[in-house]
Amino acid sequence: MNLLPLILVLVTTQIPCGPRELSVTCKCKQGMATACEALRQTDKKLADALEAAARQAVREVVQAAHAQQGAEESGASESEGEEAAQASSDAPEPPECTGQEHHIISRRIARELDNHRILRGAYKARDRRFVAQAKDEESHCGYQQWHRDVDDEVVEWLKTNKAATSRTFEDFLREIYSRPEMLARFPNGY
């Protein structure tokens, strides 16, 4: 059983906040999308910096975990595993992905986009511009619950953001797919 996604969520949600940090800043630092969006309204640079730092931290954890898993599977000694983890954290490329292609614009999202007065016609279901390769079959196989939850979130966002532009919509999608649990599924992003 692969516990990596659960570990990533636990690690990122346990990032400590300073005594003088506002709640929204702390929650954004921990990867909460709505908090980052709220923070972006008052301090775009800080929100961007916190999201970038969170993405980098997740990449490092994922790379180290993959290196450790590889070391354990090959029967490597503890010191060899540490060397592999260090080398992996220096590597800029995520692991080779072998899972299903994930179409970010699902049929359900496309139907909602067709009802959006600004975004109507700009996107289609299973749009080739918005595809992510899953890490493995366990990460994405069919229309799993996490997929339905993401679709629910995107549909709700479209309903509440009637003035959204292509840029704000795509920024929202990037934010979702830069979350720790999504990076664990799709290390190359989309």
N, C-alpha and C. Protein backbone atom coordinates (compact mmCIF):
# COMPACT_ATOMS: atom_id res chain seq x y z
N MET A 1 0.85 -1.19 0.00
CA MET A 1 0.00 0.00 0.00
C MET A 1 0.89 1.23 0.00
N ASN A 2 0.59 2.17 -0.88
CA ASN A 2 1.38 3.38 -1.00
C ASN A 2 0.80 4.46 -0.07
N LEU A 3 1.54 4.83 0.94
CA LEU A 3 1.09 5.83 1.90
C LEU A 3 1.60 7.22 1.57
N LEU A 4 2.33 7.37 0.46
CA LEU A 4 2.92 8.65 0.12
C LEU A 4 1.91 9.79 0.05
N PRO A 5 0.76 9.65 -0.64
CA PRO A 5 -0.18 10.77 -0.67
C PRO A 5 -0.65 11.19 0.71
N LEU A 6 -0.93 10.23 1.58
CA LEU A 6 -1.37 10.55 2.93
C LEU A 6 -0.26 11.26 3.70
N ILE A 7 0.96 10.80 3.57
CA ILE A 7 2.09 11.42 4.26
C ILE A 7 2.26 12.86 3.78
N LEU A 8 2.15 13.08 2.48
CA LEU A 8 2.30 14.44 1.95
C LEU A 8 1.25 15.38 2.52
N VAL A 9 0.01 14.93 2.57
CA VAL A 9 -1.05 15.77 3.13
C VAL A 9 -0.76 16.07 4.59
N LEU A 10 -0.38 15.05 5.34
CA LEU A 10 -0.10 15.26 6.76
C LEU A 10 1.07 16.21 6.98
N VAL A 11 2.12 16.07 6.19
CA VAL A 11 3.29 16.92 6.35
C VAL A 11 2.95 18.37 6.05
N THR A 12 2.28 18.62 4.93
CA THR A 12 2.02 20.00 4.55
C THR A 12 0.99 20.67 5.44
N THR A 13 0.06 19.91 6.00
CA THR A 13 -0.93 20.55 6.88
C THR A 13 -0.39 20.76 8.28
N GLN A 14 0.79 20.26 8.56
CA GLN A 14 1.39 20.44 9.87
C GLN A 14 2.47 21.51 9.88
N ILE A 15 2.58 22.28 8.81
CA ILE A 15 3.57 23.35 8.76
C ILE A 15 3.22 24.35 9.85
N PRO A 16 4.17 24.63 10.75
CA PRO A 16 3.87 25.52 11.86
C PRO A 16 3.73 26.97 11.39
N CYS A 17 2.90 27.70 12.10
CA CYS A 17 2.71 29.12 11.82
C CYS A 17 3.28 29.93 12.97
N GLY A 18 3.83 31.08 12.62
CA GLY A 18 4.39 31.96 13.65
C GLY A 18 3.29 32.58 14.48
N PRO A 19 3.63 33.07 15.67
CA PRO A 19 2.63 33.63 16.57
C PRO A 19 1.97 34.89 16.02
N ARG A 20 2.62 35.58 15.10
CA ARG A 20 2.05 36.82 14.56
C ARG A 20 1.45 36.66 13.17
N GLU A 21 1.44 35.42 12.67
CA GLU A 21 0.87 35.20 11.34
C GLU A 21 -0.64 35.22 11.41
N LEU A 22 -1.24 35.90 10.45
CA LEU A 22 -2.69 35.91 10.35
C LEU A 22 -3.17 34.52 9.96
N SER A 23 -4.38 34.21 10.32
CA SER A 23 -4.95 32.90 10.03
C SER A 23 -4.91 32.58 8.54
N VAL A 24 -5.26 33.57 7.70
CA VAL A 24 -5.30 33.32 6.26
C VAL A 24 -3.89 33.03 5.73
N THR A 25 -2.89 33.71 6.25
CA THR A 25 -1.51 33.48 5.82
C THR A 25 -1.07 32.07 6.23
N CYS A 26 -1.38 31.71 7.44
CA CYS A 26 -1.01 30.38 7.94
C CYS A 26 -1.69 29.29 7.12
N LYS A 27 -2.97 29.45 6.86
CA LYS A 27 -3.70 28.43 6.10
C LYS A 27 -3.21 28.36 4.67
N CYS A 28 -2.83 29.48 4.09
CA CYS A 28 -2.26 29.46 2.74
C CYS A 28 -0.93 28.71 2.76
N LYS A 29 -0.13 28.97 3.78
CA LYS A 29 1.17 28.29 3.91
C LYS A 29 0.97 26.78 3.98
N GLN A 30 -0.15 26.36 4.55
CA GLN A 30 -0.45 24.94 4.70
C GLN A 30 -1.13 24.36 3.46
N GLY A 31 -1.34 25.18 2.44
CA GLY A 31 -1.85 24.68 1.17
C GLY A 31 -3.35 24.79 0.97
N MET A 32 -4.05 25.55 1.81
CA MET A 32 -5.49 25.69 1.64
C MET A 32 -5.78 26.69 0.52
N ALA A 33 -6.40 26.22 -0.54
CA ALA A 33 -6.62 27.03 -1.74
C ALA A 33 -7.43 28.28 -1.47
N THR A 34 -8.51 28.15 -0.71
CA THR A 34 -9.36 29.32 -0.46
C THR A 34 -8.61 30.38 0.34
N ALA A 35 -7.75 29.96 1.25
CA ALA A 35 -6.98 30.92 2.02
C ALA A 35 -5.97 31.64 1.13
N CYS A 36 -5.33 30.91 0.22
CA CYS A 36 -4.37 31.54 -0.70
C CYS A 36 -5.07 32.52 -1.61
N GLU A 37 -6.27 32.17 -2.06
CA GLU A 37 -7.02 33.07 -2.93
C GLU A 37 -7.41 34.33 -2.16
N ALA A 38 -7.81 34.18 -0.90
CA ALA A 38 -8.15 35.34 -0.08
C ALA A 38 -6.92 36.21 0.16
N LEU A 39 -5.80 35.57 0.44
CA LEU A 39 -4.56 36.31 0.66
C LEU A 39 -4.13 37.03 -0.62
N ARG A 40 -4.36 36.41 -1.75
CA ARG A 40 -3.97 37.01 -3.03
C ARG A 40 -4.69 38.34 -3.25
N GLN A 41 -5.87 38.48 -2.70
CA GLN A 41 -6.63 39.73 -2.84
C GLN A 41 -5.93 40.89 -2.13
N THR A 42 -5.21 40.60 -1.06
CA THR A 42 -4.55 41.66 -0.31
C THR A 42 -3.04 41.70 -0.51
N ASP A 43 -2.43 40.55 -0.77
CA ASP A 43 -0.98 40.50 -0.93
C ASP A 43 -0.61 39.40 -1.92
N LYS A 44 -0.68 39.73 -3.21
CA LYS A 44 -0.44 38.76 -4.27
C LYS A 44 0.95 38.16 -4.18
N LYS A 45 1.96 38.98 -3.92
CA LYS A 45 3.34 38.49 -3.87
C LYS A 45 3.52 37.45 -2.76
N LEU A 46 2.95 37.72 -1.59
CA LEU A 46 3.07 36.77 -0.48
C LEU A 46 2.35 35.47 -0.81
N ALA A 47 1.16 35.56 -1.37
CA ALA A 47 0.41 34.35 -1.73
C ALA A 47 1.19 33.52 -2.75
N ASP A 48 1.73 34.18 -3.77
CA ASP A 48 2.52 33.48 -4.78
C ASP A 48 3.76 32.83 -4.16
N ALA A 49 4.43 33.56 -3.27
CA ALA A 49 5.64 33.03 -2.63
C ALA A 49 5.31 31.82 -1.76
N LEU A 50 4.22 31.89 -0.99
CA LEU A 50 3.84 30.77 -0.13
C LEU A 50 3.47 29.54 -0.96
N GLU A 51 2.75 29.75 -2.06
CA GLU A 51 2.38 28.62 -2.91
C GLU A 51 3.62 28.02 -3.58
N ALA A 52 4.54 28.86 -4.01
CA ALA A 52 5.76 28.34 -4.64
C ALA A 52 6.58 27.55 -3.63
N ALA A 53 6.68 28.05 -2.41
CA ALA A 53 7.44 27.34 -1.37
C ALA A 53 6.79 26.00 -1.04
N ALA A 54 5.46 25.98 -0.99
CA ALA A 54 4.75 24.72 -0.70
C ALA A 54 4.97 23.71 -1.82
N ARG A 55 4.90 24.18 -3.09
CA ARG A 55 5.14 23.27 -4.21
C ARG A 55 6.55 22.70 -4.17
N GLN A 56 7.54 23.55 -3.86
CA GLN A 56 8.92 23.09 -3.80
C GLN A 56 9.10 22.07 -2.67
N ALA A 57 8.49 22.33 -1.53
CA ALA A 57 8.59 21.40 -0.40
C ALA A 57 7.98 20.05 -0.76
N VAL A 58 6.87 20.08 -1.45
CA VAL A 58 6.22 18.83 -1.85
C VAL A 58 7.10 18.07 -2.84
N ARG A 59 7.66 18.78 -3.82
CA ARG A 59 8.54 18.12 -4.78
C ARG A 59 9.69 17.42 -4.07
N GLU A 60 10.29 18.10 -3.09
CA GLU A 60 11.41 17.52 -2.36
C GLU A 60 10.99 16.28 -1.59
N VAL A 61 9.81 16.34 -0.95
CA VAL A 61 9.33 15.18 -0.20
C VAL A 61 9.04 14.02 -1.14
N VAL A 62 8.40 14.30 -2.27
CA VAL A 62 8.09 13.25 -3.24
C VAL A 62 9.37 12.61 -3.77
N GLN A 63 10.33 13.44 -4.14
CA GLN A 63 11.57 12.91 -4.68
C GLN A 63 12.32 12.08 -3.64
N ALA A 64 12.36 12.56 -2.41
CA ALA A 64 13.04 11.82 -1.36
C ALA A 64 12.32 10.49 -1.08
N ALA A 65 11.00 10.52 -1.09
CA ALA A 65 10.24 9.29 -0.84
C ALA A 65 10.46 8.27 -1.96
N HIS A 66 10.47 8.74 -3.19
CA HIS A 66 10.73 7.83 -4.30
C HIS A 66 12.14 7.25 -4.23
N ALA A 67 13.09 8.08 -3.87
CA ALA A 67 14.46 7.59 -3.75
C ALA A 67 14.56 6.57 -2.63
N GLN A 68 13.90 6.84 -1.52
CA GLN A 68 13.91 5.91 -0.38
C GLN A 68 13.24 4.60 -0.76
N GLN A 69 12.11 4.69 -1.46
CA GLN A 69 11.39 3.48 -1.86
C GLN A 69 12.26 2.65 -2.81
N GLY A 70 12.92 3.32 -3.73
CA GLY A 70 13.80 2.61 -4.65
C GLY A 70 14.95 1.95 -3.94
N ALA A 71 15.50 2.62 -2.93
CA ALA A 71 16.60 2.06 -2.17
C ALA A 71 16.14 0.83 -1.38
N GLU A 72 14.95 0.90 -0.81
CA GLU A 72 14.42 -0.23 -0.04
C GLU A 72 14.14 -1.43 -0.96
N GLU A 73 13.59 -1.15 -2.14
CA GLU A 73 13.27 -2.23 -3.05
C GLU A 73 14.51 -2.93 -3.59
N SER A 74 15.58 -2.20 -3.74
CA SER A 74 16.79 -2.81 -4.29
C SER A 74 17.67 -3.41 -3.19
N GLY A 75 17.21 -3.32 -1.95
CA GLY A 75 17.98 -3.89 -0.84
C GLY A 75 19.21 -3.06 -0.50
N ALA A 76 19.21 -1.81 -0.85
CA ALA A 76 20.36 -0.94 -0.58
C ALA A 76 20.49 -0.69 0.91
N SER A 77 21.68 -0.41 1.31
CA SER A 77 21.93 -0.10 2.73
C SER A 77 21.36 1.27 3.06
N GLU A 78 21.30 1.60 4.35
CA GLU A 78 20.75 2.87 4.79
C GLU A 78 21.55 4.04 4.23
N SER A 79 22.85 3.93 4.18
CA SER A 79 23.67 5.04 3.68
C SER A 79 23.45 5.22 2.18
N GLU A 80 23.26 4.13 1.44
CA GLU A 80 22.98 4.25 0.02
C GLU A 80 21.63 4.92 -0.21
N GLY A 81 20.65 4.62 0.66
CA GLY A 81 19.34 5.25 0.56
C GLY A 81 19.42 6.74 0.81
N GLU A 82 20.23 7.15 1.78
CA GLU A 82 20.41 8.58 2.04
C GLU A 82 21.06 9.27 0.86
N GLU A 83 22.06 8.62 0.25
CA GLU A 83 22.72 9.21 -0.92
C GLU A 83 21.73 9.33 -2.07
N ALA A 84 20.89 8.32 -2.26
CA ALA A 84 19.90 8.36 -3.34
C ALA A 84 18.88 9.47 -3.09
N ALA A 85 18.45 9.62 -1.83
CA ALA A 85 17.50 10.69 -1.50
C ALA A 85 18.11 12.06 -1.76
N GLN A 86 19.38 12.23 -1.41
CA GLN A 86 20.04 13.52 -1.64
C GLN A 86 20.17 13.78 -3.13
N ALA A 87 20.58 12.79 -3.89
CA ALA A 87 20.72 12.96 -5.33
C ALA A 87 19.36 13.27 -5.95
N SER A 88 18.32 12.58 -5.46
CA SER A 88 16.99 12.79 -6.00
C SER A 88 16.48 14.19 -5.70
N SER A 89 16.76 14.72 -4.50
CA SER A 89 16.27 16.05 -4.17
C SER A 89 16.97 17.13 -5.00
N ASP A 90 18.14 16.80 -5.55
CA ASP A 90 18.83 17.75 -6.40
C ASP A 90 18.35 17.67 -7.85
N ALA A 91 17.68 16.58 -8.19
CA ALA A 91 17.26 16.36 -9.57
C ALA A 91 16.05 17.23 -9.89
N PRO A 92 16.07 17.93 -11.02
CA PRO A 92 14.96 18.82 -11.35
C PRO A 92 13.74 18.11 -11.91
N GLU A 93 13.89 16.93 -12.44
CA GLU A 93 12.79 16.24 -13.10
C GLU A 93 12.06 15.29 -12.16
N PRO A 94 10.72 15.27 -12.21
CA PRO A 94 9.96 14.30 -11.42
C PRO A 94 10.11 12.90 -12.01
N PRO A 95 9.61 11.89 -11.32
CA PRO A 95 9.77 10.51 -11.78
C PRO A 95 8.99 10.25 -13.06
N GLU A 96 9.38 9.17 -13.75
CA GLU A 96 8.68 8.73 -14.96
C GLU A 96 7.29 8.26 -14.55
N CYS A 97 6.27 8.75 -15.22
CA CYS A 97 4.90 8.39 -14.87
C CYS A 97 4.38 7.32 -15.82
N THR A 98 3.63 6.36 -15.26
CA THR A 98 3.14 5.24 -16.06
C THR A 98 1.64 5.05 -15.94
N GLY A 99 0.95 5.94 -15.24
CA GLY A 99 -0.50 5.81 -15.04
C GLY A 99 -1.30 6.40 -16.18
N GLN A 100 -2.61 6.43 -16.00
CA GLN A 100 -3.53 6.94 -17.01
C GLN A 100 -3.32 8.43 -17.25
N GLU A 101 -3.73 8.86 -18.44
CA GLU A 101 -3.82 10.29 -18.71
C GLU A 101 -5.06 10.80 -18.00
N HIS A 102 -4.94 11.94 -17.35
CA HIS A 102 -6.06 12.55 -16.64
C HIS A 102 -6.47 13.79 -17.40
N HIS A 103 -7.71 13.84 -17.83
CA HIS A 103 -8.24 15.00 -18.53
C HIS A 103 -8.84 15.95 -17.51
N ILE A 104 -8.18 17.07 -17.33
CA ILE A 104 -8.56 18.03 -16.30
C ILE A 104 -9.92 18.65 -16.60
N ILE A 105 -10.21 18.88 -17.87
CA ILE A 105 -11.53 19.39 -18.26
C ILE A 105 -12.41 18.17 -18.55
N SER A 106 -13.09 17.70 -17.52
CA SER A 106 -13.98 16.55 -17.67
C SER A 106 -15.25 16.98 -18.40
N ARG A 107 -16.05 16.01 -18.76
CA ARG A 107 -17.32 16.33 -19.42
C ARG A 107 -18.20 17.19 -18.52
N ARG A 108 -18.18 16.89 -17.24
CA ARG A 108 -18.99 17.65 -16.28
C ARG A 108 -18.54 19.10 -16.20
N ILE A 109 -17.23 19.31 -16.14
CA ILE A 109 -16.69 20.69 -16.10
C ILE A 109 -16.99 21.38 -17.42
N ALA A 110 -16.86 20.68 -18.54
CA ALA A 110 -17.13 21.27 -19.86
C ALA A 110 -18.58 21.74 -19.95
N ARG A 111 -19.52 20.97 -19.39
CA ARG A 111 -20.93 21.39 -19.41
C ARG A 111 -21.10 22.69 -18.65
N GLU A 112 -20.42 22.80 -17.51
CA GLU A 112 -20.52 24.04 -16.73
C GLU A 112 -19.86 25.20 -17.46
N LEU A 113 -18.74 24.94 -18.13
CA LEU A 113 -18.08 25.98 -18.92
C LEU A 113 -18.99 26.46 -20.05
N ASP A 114 -19.76 25.56 -20.63
CA ASP A 114 -20.68 25.95 -21.71
C ASP A 114 -21.77 26.90 -21.21
N ASN A 115 -22.04 26.89 -19.91
CA ASN A 115 -23.03 27.78 -19.31
C ASN A 115 -22.42 29.09 -18.80
N HIS A 116 -21.11 29.20 -18.86
CA HIS A 116 -20.41 30.39 -18.33
C HIS A 116 -20.38 31.46 -19.42
N ARG A 117 -20.86 32.65 -19.12
CA ARG A 117 -21.00 33.67 -20.16
C ARG A 117 -19.68 34.14 -20.73
N ILE A 118 -18.58 34.07 -19.97
CA ILE A 118 -17.28 34.54 -20.46
C ILE A 118 -16.46 33.38 -21.04
N LEU A 119 -16.49 32.23 -20.40
CA LEU A 119 -15.63 31.11 -20.80
C LEU A 119 -16.27 30.18 -21.84
N ARG A 120 -17.53 30.42 -22.15
CA ARG A 120 -18.24 29.58 -23.13
C ARG A 120 -17.44 29.50 -24.43
N GLY A 121 -17.20 28.29 -24.90
CA GLY A 121 -16.52 28.08 -26.17
C GLY A 121 -15.00 28.05 -26.10
N ALA A 122 -14.42 28.42 -24.97
CA ALA A 122 -12.95 28.47 -24.85
C ALA A 122 -12.34 27.11 -24.52
N TYR A 123 -13.15 26.19 -24.00
CA TYR A 123 -12.66 24.88 -23.58
C TYR A 123 -13.64 23.81 -24.03
N LYS A 124 -13.14 22.61 -24.19
CA LYS A 124 -14.01 21.49 -24.53
C LYS A 124 -13.65 20.31 -23.63
N ALA A 125 -14.57 19.37 -23.54
CA ALA A 125 -14.33 18.18 -22.73
C ALA A 125 -13.10 17.45 -23.25
N ARG A 126 -12.29 16.98 -22.31
CA ARG A 126 -11.08 16.21 -22.63
C ARG A 126 -10.13 17.01 -23.52
N ASP A 127 -10.07 18.31 -23.29
CA ASP A 127 -9.21 19.24 -24.02
C ASP A 127 -7.75 18.78 -23.89
N ARG A 128 -7.08 18.59 -25.02
CA ARG A 128 -5.70 18.07 -25.03
C ARG A 128 -4.71 19.04 -24.38
N ARG A 129 -5.09 20.30 -24.24
CA ARG A 129 -4.20 21.27 -23.58
C ARG A 129 -4.13 21.04 -22.08
N PHE A 130 -5.08 20.30 -21.55
CA PHE A 130 -5.20 20.12 -20.11
C PHE A 130 -5.21 18.64 -19.76
N VAL A 131 -4.05 18.03 -19.88
CA VAL A 131 -3.90 16.60 -19.59
C VAL A 131 -2.71 16.42 -18.66
N ALA A 132 -2.88 15.56 -17.67
CA ALA A 132 -1.81 15.23 -16.74
C ALA A 132 -1.60 13.72 -16.75
N GLN A 133 -0.36 13.30 -16.69
CA GLN A 133 -0.03 11.88 -16.66
C GLN A 133 0.05 11.42 -15.20
N ALA A 134 -0.74 10.44 -14.84
CA ALA A 134 -0.73 9.92 -13.48
C ALA A 134 0.56 9.16 -13.20
N LYS A 135 0.98 9.23 -11.95
CA LYS A 135 2.20 8.56 -11.52
C LYS A 135 2.12 7.06 -11.78
N ASP A 136 0.98 6.47 -11.45
CA ASP A 136 0.78 5.03 -11.62
C ASP A 136 -0.72 4.77 -11.68
N GLU A 137 -1.09 3.52 -11.89
CA GLU A 137 -2.51 3.19 -12.04
C GLU A 137 -3.30 3.48 -10.76
N GLU A 138 -2.69 3.27 -9.61
CA GLU A 138 -3.38 3.54 -8.35
C GLU A 138 -3.72 5.03 -8.21
N SER A 139 -2.87 5.89 -8.76
CA SER A 139 -3.08 7.33 -8.66
C SER A 139 -4.28 7.80 -9.47
N HIS A 140 -4.54 7.14 -10.60
CA HIS A 140 -5.69 7.53 -11.42
C HIS A 140 -6.13 6.34 -12.27
N CYS A 141 -7.33 5.86 -11.96
CA CYS A 141 -7.91 4.76 -12.72
C CYS A 141 -9.41 5.01 -12.78
N GLY A 142 -9.87 5.56 -13.88
CA GLY A 142 -11.30 5.84 -14.02
C GLY A 142 -11.72 7.10 -13.28
N TYR A 143 -13.00 7.14 -12.95
CA TYR A 143 -13.59 8.33 -12.33
C TYR A 143 -13.71 8.10 -10.83
N GLN A 144 -12.56 8.15 -10.16
CA GLN A 144 -12.47 7.87 -8.73
C GLN A 144 -13.08 9.00 -7.91
N GLN A 145 -13.23 8.77 -6.60
CA GLN A 145 -13.85 9.76 -5.71
C GLN A 145 -13.07 11.07 -5.70
N TRP A 146 -11.74 11.03 -5.65
CA TRP A 146 -10.97 12.27 -5.64
C TRP A 146 -11.26 13.08 -6.90
N HIS A 147 -11.47 12.38 -8.03
CA HIS A 147 -11.74 13.04 -9.30
C HIS A 147 -13.11 13.74 -9.24
N ARG A 148 -14.09 13.05 -8.69
CA ARG A 148 -15.42 13.64 -8.54
C ARG A 148 -15.37 14.85 -7.61
N ASP A 149 -14.57 14.76 -6.54
CA ASP A 149 -14.43 15.87 -5.60
C ASP A 149 -13.80 17.10 -6.28
N VAL A 150 -12.77 16.87 -7.09
CA VAL A 150 -12.14 17.98 -7.81
C VAL A 150 -13.13 18.59 -8.80
N ASP A 151 -13.87 17.75 -9.52
CA ASP A 151 -14.87 18.27 -10.44
C ASP A 151 -15.91 19.11 -9.69
N ASP A 152 -16.36 18.62 -8.53
CA ASP A 152 -17.32 19.38 -7.71
C ASP A 152 -16.74 20.77 -7.38
N GLU A 153 -15.48 20.79 -6.97
CA GLU A 153 -14.85 22.06 -6.59
C GLU A 153 -14.76 23.01 -7.78
N VAL A 154 -14.37 22.50 -8.94
CA VAL A 154 -14.25 23.34 -10.13
C VAL A 154 -15.61 23.86 -10.57
N VAL A 155 -16.62 23.00 -10.58
CA VAL A 155 -17.97 23.41 -10.98
C VAL A 155 -18.46 24.50 -10.02
N GLU A 156 -18.28 24.30 -8.73
CA GLU A 156 -18.71 25.30 -7.75
C GLU A 156 -17.97 26.62 -7.96
N TRP A 157 -16.68 26.55 -8.23
CA TRP A 157 -15.88 27.76 -8.48
C TRP A 157 -16.43 28.50 -9.70
N LEU A 158 -16.74 27.77 -10.76
CA LEU A 158 -17.28 28.41 -11.97
C LEU A 158 -18.62 29.08 -11.69
N LYS A 159 -19.44 28.45 -10.87
CA LYS A 159 -20.75 29.03 -10.54
C LYS A 159 -20.60 30.31 -9.72
N THR A 160 -19.61 30.37 -8.85
CA THR A 160 -19.44 31.54 -7.99
C THR A 160 -18.52 32.60 -8.59
N ASN A 161 -17.82 32.27 -9.66
CA ASN A 161 -16.92 33.22 -10.32
C ASN A 161 -17.40 33.49 -11.73
N LYS A 162 -18.54 34.14 -11.82
CA LYS A 162 -19.19 34.38 -13.12
C LYS A 162 -18.40 35.34 -14.00
N ALA A 163 -17.50 36.14 -13.41
CA ALA A 163 -16.69 37.08 -14.19
C ALA A 163 -15.30 36.52 -14.47
N ALA A 164 -15.11 35.24 -14.23
CA ALA A 164 -13.78 34.63 -14.42
C ALA A 164 -13.35 34.71 -15.88
N THR A 165 -12.07 34.97 -16.05
CA THR A 165 -11.47 34.97 -17.38
C THR A 165 -10.72 33.66 -17.57
N SER A 166 -10.25 33.42 -18.78
CA SER A 166 -9.45 32.21 -19.03
C SER A 166 -8.25 32.18 -18.10
N ARG A 167 -7.63 33.33 -17.90
CA ARG A 167 -6.45 33.38 -17.04
C ARG A 167 -6.78 33.00 -15.60
N THR A 168 -7.85 33.59 -15.04
CA THR A 168 -8.18 33.26 -13.64
C THR A 168 -8.62 31.81 -13.51
N PHE A 169 -9.33 31.30 -14.51
CA PHE A 169 -9.75 29.90 -14.48
C PHE A 169 -8.54 28.97 -14.53
N GLU A 170 -7.62 29.23 -15.44
CA GLU A 170 -6.44 28.38 -15.56
C GLU A 170 -5.53 28.52 -14.33
N ASP A 171 -5.46 29.70 -13.74
CA ASP A 171 -4.71 29.87 -12.49
C ASP A 171 -5.33 29.02 -11.39
N PHE A 172 -6.65 28.99 -11.34
CA PHE A 172 -7.35 28.17 -10.35
C PHE A 172 -7.03 26.69 -10.56
N LEU A 173 -7.05 26.24 -11.82
CA LEU A 173 -6.70 24.84 -12.11
C LEU A 173 -5.25 24.55 -11.70
N ARG A 174 -4.33 25.46 -11.99
CA ARG A 174 -2.93 25.26 -11.60
C ARG A 174 -2.80 25.15 -10.08
N GLU A 175 -3.58 25.96 -9.37
CA GLU A 175 -3.54 25.91 -7.91
C GLU A 175 -3.99 24.54 -7.42
N ILE A 176 -5.07 24.02 -7.99
CA ILE A 176 -5.56 22.70 -7.59
C ILE A 176 -4.49 21.64 -7.84
N TYR A 177 -3.90 21.67 -9.03
CA TYR A 177 -2.94 20.63 -9.41
C TYR A 177 -1.54 20.86 -8.85
N SER A 178 -1.37 21.90 -8.04
CA SER A 178 -0.10 22.09 -7.35
C SER A 178 -0.24 21.72 -5.87
N ARG A 179 -1.41 21.27 -5.47
CA ARG A 179 -1.61 20.82 -4.09
C ARG A 179 -0.83 19.54 -3.85
N PRO A 180 -0.40 19.33 -2.63
CA PRO A 180 0.40 18.13 -2.32
C PRO A 180 -0.25 16.82 -2.75
N GLU A 181 -1.54 16.66 -2.48
CA GLU A 181 -2.19 15.40 -2.82
C GLU A 181 -2.30 15.22 -4.33
N MET A 182 -2.38 16.33 -5.08
CA MET A 182 -2.43 16.22 -6.54
C MET A 182 -1.04 16.01 -7.13
N LEU A 183 -0.03 16.65 -6.56
CA LEU A 183 1.34 16.42 -7.02
C LEU A 183 1.77 14.98 -6.76
N ALA A 184 1.22 14.39 -5.70
CA ALA A 184 1.54 12.98 -5.43
C ALA A 184 0.95 12.09 -6.53
N ARG A 185 -0.17 12.48 -7.08
CA ARG A 185 -0.80 11.72 -8.16
C ARG A 185 -0.20 12.06 -9.53
N PHE A 186 0.12 13.36 -9.73
CA PHE A 186 0.58 13.86 -11.03
C PHE A 186 1.86 14.67 -10.83
N PRO A 187 3.00 14.01 -10.62
CA PRO A 187 4.25 14.72 -10.31
C PRO A 187 4.70 15.69 -11.40
N ASN A 188 4.29 15.48 -12.63
CA ASN A 188 4.69 16.39 -13.71
C ASN A 188 3.72 17.55 -13.87
N GLY A 189 2.69 17.61 -13.04
CA GLY A 189 1.68 18.65 -13.19
C GLY A 189 0.92 18.46 -14.49
N TYR A 190 0.43 19.54 -15.03
CA TYR A 190 -0.25 19.47 -16.33
C TYR A 190 0.26 20.57 -17.22
